[in-house]
Amino acid sequence: MLSRLVLCLSIFYITGCAFEKSASKDGQNLADLLQRQLDLGVGYLQNQEYQRAKDKLNRALEIDPKSAPVHTTLGLLFQLEGEYDLAEQHFRTAIKHDGELTQARNNYGAFLYSQQRYQEAVAQFSIAVKDRFYANRAVVFENLGVVYVTLDDQTSAENAFRNSIRLNPGQLRALLELAEIKFNENNYVESRELYKRHMNLASHSPRSLWLCIRLSEIFPGPEEEADCQLTLKNIYPTSEEYVLYLNSRHNKSRKDEEND
């Protein structure tokens, strides 16, 4: 159920991250040139033109081999290519040269999560969320919450998701994850409220449809339940959530037969 985390400047979720210009002893011209090469590299990365991106990013490193923004971008690129050793090398180099580059911490944390190194991911995100001036702090809290869900630490996950929503009331993943947590705690009223807030901003996904079905069983809403069941069946028939739905129907039928 838990998909990839949000990466800053990845091709999956472009969240408006910005790099500051790197200082250079050769003055502003070199700083501007570095930024141009970096911007071009990021553009090619977003367009999945990986070789062109490498060319521009390598030129940027020729200008400043210690540029943390360039190294974290290369980390993303090699992660996308499946070159995981190289990706980690660049993420670690970025943090080595600038431990306060929150974007690098977030991306490295997402990388560690993808490698199932969950405790290490928590460590990176926990450092990143301390940056109260980071524009995408809500995203980092959301990522941290997802890792805690994976670790089955529901209390820590809830705290992280609430912080994410507090910073950005429209943080979609955090709203849905928190709605799921509240449902599992039998707090159906708050779960429904969070679900509705999510759906006011997002289209249905297998996860939201499965929650819709379960909430509709608690609160009278046969039409909504039927709509969610039909959408889940017709659009996402191979999803894990549809399997859960079928299993729930099977178990319910068995119980009904036993009670007859």
C-alpha atoms as a PDB file:
ATOM      1  CA  MET A   1       0.000   0.000   0.000  1.00  0.00           C
ATOM      2  CA  LEU A   2       2.865   2.343   0.731  1.00  0.00           C
ATOM      3  CA  SER A   3       4.260   3.772  -2.456  1.00  0.00           C
ATOM      4  CA  ARG A   4       7.313   5.939  -3.054  1.00  0.00           C
ATOM      5  CA  LEU A   5       7.986   9.004  -0.999  1.00  0.00           C
ATOM      6  CA  VAL A   6       8.089  12.549  -2.289  1.00  0.00           C
ATOM      7  CA  LEU A   7      11.471  13.553  -3.712  1.00  0.00           C
ATOM      8  CA  CYS A   8      12.348  17.192  -4.196  1.00  0.00           C
ATOM      9  CA  LEU A   9      12.980  17.866  -7.898  1.00  0.00           C
ATOM     10  CA  SER A  10      12.214  14.284  -8.873  1.00  0.00           C
ATOM     11  CA  ILE A  11      10.216  13.409 -11.960  1.00  0.00           C
ATOM     12  CA  PHE A  12       7.537  11.964  -9.686  1.00  0.00           C
ATOM     13  CA  TYR A  13       6.619  15.059  -7.721  1.00  0.00           C
ATOM     14  CA  ILE A  14       7.888  18.496  -8.657  1.00  0.00           C
ATOM     15  CA  THR A  15       7.424  20.500  -5.474  1.00  0.00           C
ATOM     16  CA  GLY A  16       9.015  23.822  -6.278  1.00  0.00           C
ATOM     17  CA  CYS A  17      12.349  23.321  -4.568  1.00  0.00           C
ATOM     18  CA  ALA A  18      15.012  25.934  -5.165  1.00  0.00           C
ATOM     19  CA  PHE A  19      18.766  25.850  -4.989  1.00  0.00           C
ATOM     20  CA  GLU A  20      20.734  28.778  -3.720  1.00  0.00           C
ATOM     21  CA  LYS A  21      23.653  29.873  -5.830  1.00  0.00           C
ATOM     22  CA  SER A  22      26.923  28.371  -4.736  1.00  0.00           C
ATOM     23  CA  ALA A  23      29.567  30.740  -3.550  1.00  0.00           C
ATOM     24  CA  SER A  24      32.739  30.778  -5.636  1.00  0.00           C
ATOM     25  CA  LYS A  25      36.089  32.418  -5.095  1.00  0.00           C
ATOM     26  CA  ASP A  26      36.061  33.371  -8.752  1.00  0.00           C
ATOM     27  CA  GLY A  27      33.048  35.574  -8.212  1.00  0.00           C
ATOM     28  CA  GLN A  28      29.496  35.902  -9.372  1.00  0.00           C
ATOM     29  CA  ASN A  29      30.136  34.878 -12.975  1.00  0.00           C
ATOM     30  CA  LEU A  30      31.160  31.386 -11.930  1.00  0.00           C
ATOM     31  CA  ALA A  31      28.204  31.196  -9.547  1.00  0.00           C
ATOM     32  CA  ASP A  32      25.848  32.146 -12.371  1.00  0.00           C
ATOM     33  CA  LEU A  33      27.454  29.623 -14.717  1.00  0.00           C
ATOM     34  CA  LEU A  34      27.147  26.895 -12.103  1.00  0.00           C
ATOM     35  CA  GLN A  35      23.476  27.709 -11.583  1.00  0.00           C
ATOM     36  CA  ARG A  36      22.778  27.634 -15.325  1.00  0.00           C
ATOM     37  CA  GLN A  37      24.384  24.217 -15.697  1.00  0.00           C
ATOM     38  CA  LEU A  38      22.449  22.956 -12.693  1.00  0.00           C
ATOM     39  CA  ASP A  39      19.150  24.346 -13.994  1.00  0.00           C
ATOM     40  CA  LEU A  40      19.736  22.701 -17.376  1.00  0.00           C
ATOM     41  CA  GLY A  41      20.607  19.424 -15.686  1.00  0.00           C
ATOM     42  CA  VAL A  42      17.440  19.536 -13.595  1.00  0.00           C
ATOM     43  CA  GLY A  43      15.381  20.286 -16.702  1.00  0.00           C
ATOM     44  CA  TYR A  44      16.809  17.334 -18.580  1.00  0.00           C
ATOM     45  CA  LEU A  45      16.291  15.138 -15.519  1.00  0.00           C
ATOM     46  CA  GLN A  46      12.623  16.093 -15.348  1.00  0.00           C
ATOM     47  CA  ASN A  47      12.296  15.239 -19.054  1.00  0.00           C
ATOM     48  CA  GLN A  48      14.000  11.877 -18.438  1.00  0.00           C
ATOM     49  CA  GLU A  49      16.911  12.833 -20.726  1.00  0.00           C
ATOM     50  CA  TYR A  50      19.424  11.343 -18.355  1.00  0.00           C
ATOM     51  CA  GLN A  51      22.570  11.526 -20.454  1.00  0.00           C
ATOM     52  CA  ARG A  52      22.060  15.196 -21.222  1.00  0.00           C
ATOM     53  CA  ALA A  53      21.392  15.790 -17.543  1.00  0.00           C
ATOM     54  CA  LYS A  54      24.669  14.069 -16.645  1.00  0.00           C
ATOM     55  CA  ASP A  55      26.570  16.216 -19.111  1.00  0.00           C
ATOM     56  CA  LYS A  56      25.270  19.436 -17.573  1.00  0.00           C
ATOM     57  CA  LEU A  57      25.700  18.253 -13.999  1.00  0.00           C
ATOM     58  CA  ASN A  58      29.255  17.103 -14.681  1.00  0.00           C
ATOM     59  CA  ARG A  59      30.025  20.549 -16.087  1.00  0.00           C
ATOM     60  CA  ALA A  60      28.600  22.022 -12.905  1.00  0.00           C
ATOM     61  CA  LEU A  61      30.907  19.815 -10.833  1.00  0.00           C
ATOM     62  CA  GLU A  62      33.878  20.999 -12.888  1.00  0.00           C
ATOM     63  CA  ILE A  63      33.034  24.499 -11.686  1.00  0.00           C
ATOM     64  CA  ASP A  64      32.457  23.455  -8.069  1.00  0.00           C
ATOM     65  CA  PRO A  65      33.224  19.816  -7.137  1.00  0.00           C
ATOM     66  CA  LYS A  66      31.773  20.439  -3.658  1.00  0.00           C
ATOM     67  CA  SER A  67      28.376  21.710  -4.806  1.00  0.00           C
ATOM     68  CA  ALA A  68      25.826  19.931  -2.605  1.00  0.00           C
ATOM     69  CA  PRO A  69      22.848  20.784  -4.864  1.00  0.00           C
ATOM     70  CA  VAL A  70      24.628  19.233  -7.844  1.00  0.00           C
ATOM     71  CA  HIS A  71      25.516  16.097  -5.898  1.00  0.00           C
ATOM     72  CA  THR A  72      21.973  15.580  -4.607  1.00  0.00           C
ATOM     73  CA  THR A  73      20.623  15.999  -8.147  1.00  0.00           C
ATOM     74  CA  LEU A  74      23.087  13.393  -9.388  1.00  0.00           C
ATOM     75  CA  GLY A  75      21.909  11.180  -6.546  1.00  0.00           C
ATOM     76  CA  LEU A  76      18.362  11.423  -7.860  1.00  0.00           C
ATOM     77  CA  LEU A  77      19.500  10.736 -11.406  1.00  0.00           C
ATOM     78  CA  PHE A  78      21.444   7.600 -10.541  1.00  0.00           C
ATOM     79  CA  GLN A  79      18.604   6.403  -8.307  1.00  0.00           C
ATOM     80  CA  LEU A  80      16.243   6.657 -11.267  1.00  0.00           C
ATOM     81  CA  GLU A  81      18.722   4.689 -13.403  1.00  0.00           C
ATOM     82  CA  GLY A  82      18.980   1.970 -10.773  1.00  0.00           C
ATOM     83  CA  GLU A  83      22.621   2.777  -9.998  1.00  0.00           C
ATOM     84  CA  TYR A  84      22.049   2.661  -6.277  1.00  0.00           C
ATOM     85  CA  ASP A  85      25.675   2.643  -5.093  1.00  0.00           C
ATOM     86  CA  LEU A  86      26.412   5.757  -7.148  1.00  0.00           C
ATOM     87  CA  ALA A  87      23.190   7.390  -5.980  1.00  0.00           C
ATOM     88  CA  GLU A  88      24.072   6.889  -2.328  1.00  0.00           C
ATOM     89  CA  GLN A  89      27.612   8.118  -2.930  1.00  0.00           C
ATOM     90  CA  HIS A  90      26.310  11.407  -4.293  1.00  0.00           C
ATOM     91  CA  PHE A  91      23.667  11.836  -1.576  1.00  0.00           C
ATOM     92  CA  ARG A  92      26.285  11.303   1.113  1.00  0.00           C
ATOM     93  CA  THR A  93      28.704  13.672  -0.621  1.00  0.00           C
ATOM     94  CA  ALA A  94      26.009  16.348  -0.772  1.00  0.00           C
ATOM     95  CA  ILE A  95      25.394  16.052   2.976  1.00  0.00           C
ATOM     96  CA  LYS A  96      29.133  15.955   3.672  1.00  0.00           C
ATOM     97  CA  HIS A  97      29.657  19.283   1.911  1.00  0.00           C
ATOM     98  CA  ASP A  98      26.466  20.908   3.204  1.00  0.00           C
ATOM     99  CA  GLY A  99      24.796  19.182   6.139  1.00  0.00           C
ATOM    100  CA  GLU A 100      22.228  21.979   6.285  1.00  0.00           C
ATOM    101  CA  LEU A 101      20.889  21.368   2.781  1.00  0.00           C
ATOM    102  CA  THR A 102      17.487  20.050   3.844  1.00  0.00           C
ATOM    103  CA  GLN A 103      16.590  19.053   0.314  1.00  0.00           C
ATOM    104  CA  ALA A 104      19.517  16.615   0.280  1.00  0.00           C
ATOM    105  CA  ARG A 105      18.396  15.124   3.593  1.00  0.00           C
ATOM    106  CA  ASN A 106      14.865  14.633   2.273  1.00  0.00           C
ATOM    107  CA  ASN A 107      16.038  13.005  -0.944  1.00  0.00           C
ATOM    108  CA  TYR A 108      18.531  10.781   0.833  1.00  0.00           C
ATOM    109  CA  GLY A 109      15.816   9.758   3.296  1.00  0.00           C
ATOM    110  CA  ALA A 110      13.509   8.840   0.414  1.00  0.00           C
ATOM    111  CA  PHE A 111      16.344   6.842  -1.151  1.00  0.00           C
ATOM    112  CA  LEU A 112      16.947   4.955   2.103  1.00  0.00           C
ATOM    113  CA  TYR A 113      13.225   4.208   2.349  1.00  0.00           C
ATOM    114  CA  SER A 114      13.251   2.770  -1.176  1.00  0.00           C
ATOM    115  CA  GLN A 115      16.091   0.487  -0.062  1.00  0.00           C
ATOM    116  CA  GLN A 116      14.052  -0.642   2.975  1.00  0.00           C
ATOM    117  CA  ARG A 117      16.549   0.971   5.338  1.00  0.00           C
ATOM    118  CA  TYR A 118      13.771   2.459   7.403  1.00  0.00           C
ATOM    119  CA  GLN A 119      15.578   3.477  10.587  1.00  0.00           C
ATOM    120  CA  GLU A 120      18.222   5.297   8.562  1.00  0.00           C
ATOM    121  CA  ALA A 121      15.454   7.059   6.649  1.00  0.00           C
ATOM    122  CA  VAL A 122      13.882   8.170   9.928  1.00  0.00           C
ATOM    123  CA  ALA A 123      17.229   9.619  10.988  1.00  0.00           C
ATOM    124  CA  GLN A 124      17.521  11.739   7.824  1.00  0.00           C
ATOM    125  CA  PHE A 125      13.922  12.966   7.887  1.00  0.00           C
ATOM    126  CA  SER A 126      14.146  13.746  11.602  1.00  0.00           C
ATOM    127  CA  ILE A 127      17.060  16.082  10.893  1.00  0.00           C
ATOM    128  CA  ALA A 128      15.314  17.609   7.876  1.00  0.00           C
ATOM    129  CA  VAL A 129      12.091  18.513   9.726  1.00  0.00           C
ATOM    130  CA  LYS A 130      14.079  20.648  12.148  1.00  0.00           C
ATOM    131  CA  ASP A 131      14.638  23.200   9.385  1.00  0.00           C
ATOM    132  CA  ARG A 132      11.758  25.557  10.132  1.00  0.00           C
ATOM    133  CA  PHE A 133      12.527  27.710   7.101  1.00  0.00           C
ATOM    134  CA  TYR A 134      12.417  24.883   4.550  1.00  0.00           C
ATOM    135  CA  ALA A 135       9.648  25.587   2.054  1.00  0.00           C
ATOM    136  CA  ASN A 136       8.717  21.913   1.745  1.00  0.00           C
ATOM    137  CA  ARG A 137       8.805  21.021   5.433  1.00  0.00           C
ATOM    138  CA  ALA A 138       5.250  19.630   5.213  1.00  0.00           C
ATOM    139  CA  VAL A 139       6.483  17.129   2.615  1.00  0.00           C
ATOM    140  CA  VAL A 140       9.292  15.975   4.884  1.00  0.00           C
ATOM    141  CA  PHE A 141       6.875  15.434   7.788  1.00  0.00           C
ATOM    142  CA  GLU A 142       4.631  13.464   5.434  1.00  0.00           C
ATOM    143  CA  ASN A 143       7.575  11.299   4.344  1.00  0.00           C
ATOM    144  CA  LEU A 144       8.546  10.748   7.966  1.00  0.00           C
ATOM    145  CA  GLY A 145       5.001   9.655   8.752  1.00  0.00           C
ATOM    146  CA  VAL A 146       5.002   7.123   5.921  1.00  0.00           C
ATOM    147  CA  VAL A 147       8.190   5.543   7.247  1.00  0.00           C
ATOM    148  CA  TYR A 148       6.682   5.297  10.730  1.00  0.00           C
ATOM    149  CA  VAL A 149       3.616   3.567   9.251  1.00  0.00           C
ATOM    150  CA  THR A 150       5.946   1.053   7.610  1.00  0.00           C
ATOM    151  CA  LEU A 151       7.607   0.517  10.985  1.00  0.00           C
ATOM    152  CA  ASP A 152       4.157   0.089  12.583  1.00  0.00           C
ATOM    153  CA  ASP A 153       4.773   3.036  14.903  1.00  0.00           C
ATOM    154  CA  GLN A 154       1.296   4.512  14.654  1.00  0.00           C
ATOM    155  CA  THR A 155       1.758   7.137  17.370  1.00  0.00           C
ATOM    156  CA  SER A 156       4.841   8.636  15.737  1.00  0.00           C
ATOM    157  CA  ALA A 157       3.175   8.395  12.328  1.00  0.00           C
ATOM    158  CA  GLU A 158       0.131  10.289  13.548  1.00  0.00           C
ATOM    159  CA  ASN A 159       2.289  13.029  15.052  1.00  0.00           C
ATOM    160  CA  ALA A 160       4.223  13.407  11.805  1.00  0.00           C
ATOM    161  CA  PHE A 161       1.084  13.533   9.663  1.00  0.00           C
ATOM    162  CA  ARG A 162      -0.556  16.084  11.950  1.00  0.00           C
ATOM    163  CA  ASN A 163       2.525  18.285  11.720  1.00  0.00           C
ATOM    164  CA  SER A 164       2.431  17.940   7.932  1.00  0.00           C
ATOM    165  CA  ILE A 165      -1.240  18.979   7.772  1.00  0.00           C
ATOM    166  CA  ARG A 166      -0.666  21.789  10.221  1.00  0.00           C
ATOM    167  CA  LEU A 167       1.951  23.240   7.889  1.00  0.00           C
ATOM    168  CA  ASN A 168      -0.096  22.536   4.757  1.00  0.00           C
ATOM    169  CA  PRO A 169      -3.806  21.683   5.230  1.00  0.00           C
ATOM    170  CA  GLY A 170      -3.839  20.371   1.654  1.00  0.00           C
ATOM    171  CA  GLN A 171      -1.119  17.756   2.105  1.00  0.00           C
ATOM    172  CA  LEU A 172      -2.969  14.930   0.366  1.00  0.00           C
ATOM    173  CA  ARG A 173      -0.992  11.859   1.394  1.00  0.00           C
ATOM    174  CA  ALA A 174      -0.897  12.957   5.028  1.00  0.00           C
ATOM    175  CA  LEU A 175      -4.669  13.481   5.095  1.00  0.00           C
ATOM    176  CA  LEU A 176      -5.390  10.020   3.704  1.00  0.00           C
ATOM    177  CA  GLU A 177      -2.807   8.266   5.855  1.00  0.00           C
ATOM    178  CA  LEU A 178      -4.153   9.938   8.977  1.00  0.00           C
ATOM    179  CA  ALA A 179      -7.714   9.033   7.984  1.00  0.00           C
ATOM    180  CA  GLU A 180      -6.577   5.399   7.745  1.00  0.00           C
ATOM    181  CA  ILE A 181      -4.942   5.545  11.170  1.00  0.00           C
ATOM    182  CA  LYS A 182      -8.083   7.010  12.739  1.00  0.00           C
ATOM    183  CA  PHE A 183     -10.255   4.336  11.090  1.00  0.00           C
ATOM    184  CA  ASN A 184      -8.068   1.580  12.479  1.00  0.00           C
ATOM    185  CA  GLU A 185      -8.419   3.176  15.911  1.00  0.00           C
ATOM    186  CA  ASN A 186     -12.237   3.024  15.499  1.00  0.00           C
ATOM    187  CA  ASN A 187     -12.357   6.817  15.498  1.00  0.00           C
ATOM    188  CA  TYR A 188     -14.707   6.791  12.547  1.00  0.00           C
ATOM    189  CA  VAL A 189     -15.946  10.376  12.861  1.00  0.00           C
ATOM    190  CA  GLU A 190     -12.478  11.896  12.544  1.00  0.00           C
ATOM    191  CA  SER A 191     -11.546   9.364   9.872  1.00  0.00           C
ATOM    192  CA  ARG A 192     -14.529  10.437   7.772  1.00  0.00           C
ATOM    193  CA  GLU A 193     -13.698  14.118   8.261  1.00  0.00           C
ATOM    194  CA  LEU A 194     -10.108  13.583   7.120  1.00  0.00           C
ATOM    195  CA  TYR A 195     -11.266  11.443   4.201  1.00  0.00           C
ATOM    196  CA  LYS A 196     -13.656  14.166   3.045  1.00  0.00           C
ATOM    197  CA  ARG A 197     -10.915  16.795   3.297  1.00  0.00           C
ATOM    198  CA  HIS A 198      -8.709  14.589   1.159  1.00  0.00           C
ATOM    199  CA  MET A 199     -11.410  13.990  -1.440  1.00  0.00           C
ATOM    200  CA  ASN A 200     -12.198  17.706  -1.680  1.00  0.00           C
ATOM    201  CA  LEU A 201      -8.704  18.120  -3.107  1.00  0.00           C
ATOM    202  CA  ALA A 202      -7.906  14.849  -4.851  1.00  0.00           C
ATOM    203  CA  SER A 203      -9.228  12.246  -7.250  1.00  0.00           C
ATOM    204  CA  HIS A 204      -9.960   8.744  -6.052  1.00  0.00           C
ATOM    205  CA  SER A 205      -7.173   6.211  -5.710  1.00  0.00           C
ATOM    206  CA  PRO A 206      -7.415   2.518  -4.752  1.00  0.00           C
ATOM    207  CA  ARG A 207      -6.538   3.507  -1.188  1.00  0.00           C
ATOM    208  CA  SER A 208      -9.221   6.181  -0.910  1.00  0.00           C
ATOM    209  CA  LEU A 209     -11.833   3.929  -2.532  1.00  0.00           C
ATOM    210  CA  TRP A 210     -11.160   1.142  -0.062  1.00  0.00           C
ATOM    211  CA  LEU A 211     -11.483   3.584   2.814  1.00  0.00           C
ATOM    212  CA  CYS A 212     -14.672   4.962   1.247  1.00  0.00           C
ATOM    213  CA  ILE A 213     -16.200   1.473   1.201  1.00  0.00           C
ATOM    214  CA  ARG A 214     -15.363   0.809   4.839  1.00  0.00           C
ATOM    215  CA  LEU A 215     -16.567   4.216   6.012  1.00  0.00           C
ATOM    216  CA  SER A 216     -19.819   3.740   4.101  1.00  0.00           C
ATOM    217  CA  GLU A 217     -20.412   0.569   6.081  1.00  0.00           C
ATOM    218  CA  ILE A 218     -20.173   2.594   9.284  1.00  0.00           C
ATOM    219  CA  PHE A 219     -22.192   5.605   8.168  1.00  0.00           C
ATOM    220  CA  PRO A 220     -25.386   5.282   6.112  1.00  0.00           C
ATOM    221  CA  GLY A 221     -24.431   5.899   2.507  1.00  0.00           C
ATOM    222  CA  PRO A 222     -25.370   2.947   0.299  1.00  0.00           C
ATOM    223  CA  GLU A 223     -25.102   4.927  -2.923  1.00  0.00           C
ATOM    224  CA  GLU A 224     -21.596   6.148  -2.116  1.00  0.00           C
ATOM    225  CA  GLU A 225     -20.538   2.664  -1.067  1.00  0.00           C
ATOM    226  CA  ALA A 226     -21.865   1.191  -4.305  1.00  0.00           C
ATOM    227  CA  ASP A 227     -20.120   3.875  -6.369  1.00  0.00           C
ATOM    228  CA  CYS A 228     -16.805   3.252  -4.615  1.00  0.00           C
ATOM    229  CA  GLN A 229     -17.147  -0.519  -4.997  1.00  0.00           C
ATOM    230  CA  LEU A 230     -17.899  -0.218  -8.702  1.00  0.00           C
ATOM    231  CA  THR A 231     -15.032   2.224  -9.320  1.00  0.00           C
ATOM    232  CA  LEU A 232     -12.569   0.031  -7.447  1.00  0.00           C
ATOM    233  CA  LYS A 233     -13.711  -3.032  -9.418  1.00  0.00           C
ATOM    234  CA  ASN A 234     -13.757  -1.411 -12.852  1.00  0.00           C
ATOM    235  CA  ILE A 235     -10.705   0.857 -12.690  1.00  0.00           C
ATOM    236  CA  TYR A 236      -8.388  -0.890 -10.216  1.00  0.00           C
ATOM    237  CA  PRO A 237      -9.224  -4.617 -10.499  1.00  0.00           C
ATOM    238  CA  THR A 238      -5.587  -5.663  -9.962  1.00  0.00           C
ATOM    239  CA  SER A 239      -4.963  -3.426  -6.950  1.00  0.00           C
ATOM    240  CA  GLU A 240      -4.159  -4.727  -3.500  1.00  0.00           C
ATOM    241  CA  GLU A 241      -7.162  -2.806  -2.216  1.00  0.00           C
ATOM    242  CA  TYR A 242      -9.541  -4.676  -4.515  1.00  0.00           C
ATOM    243  CA  VAL A 243      -8.152  -7.968  -3.199  1.00  0.00           C
ATOM    244  CA  LEU A 244      -8.814  -6.723   0.335  1.00  0.00           C
ATOM    245  CA  TYR A 245     -12.347  -5.795  -0.658  1.00  0.00           C
ATOM    246  CA  LEU A 246     -13.013  -9.242  -2.166  1.00  0.00           C
ATOM    247  CA  ASN A 247     -11.607 -10.936   0.930  1.00  0.00           C
ATOM    248  CA  SER A 248     -13.797  -8.816   3.169  1.00  0.00           C
ATOM    249  CA  ARG A 249     -16.895  -9.777   1.144  1.00  0.00           C
ATOM    250  CA  HIS A 250     -15.911 -13.442   1.319  1.00  0.00           C
ATOM    251  CA  ASN A 251     -15.406 -13.288   5.081  1.00  0.00           C
ATOM    252  CA  LYS A 252     -18.707 -11.494   5.533  1.00  0.00           C
ATOM    253  CA  SER A 253     -20.531 -14.155   3.503  1.00  0.00           C
ATOM    254  CA  ARG A 254     -18.998 -16.915   5.600  1.00  0.00           C
ATOM    255  CA  LYS A 255     -20.081 -15.221   8.815  1.00  0.00           C
ATOM    256  CA  ASP A 256     -23.603 -14.789   7.487  1.00  0.00           C
ATOM    257  CA  GLU A 257     -23.756 -18.473   6.592  1.00  0.00           C
ATOM    258  CA  GLU A 258     -22.519 -19.470  10.045  1.00  0.00           C
ATOM    259  CA  ASN A 259     -25.179 -17.324  11.691  1.00  0.00           C
ATOM    260  CA  ASP A 260     -28.010 -18.835   9.621  1.00  0.00           C
END
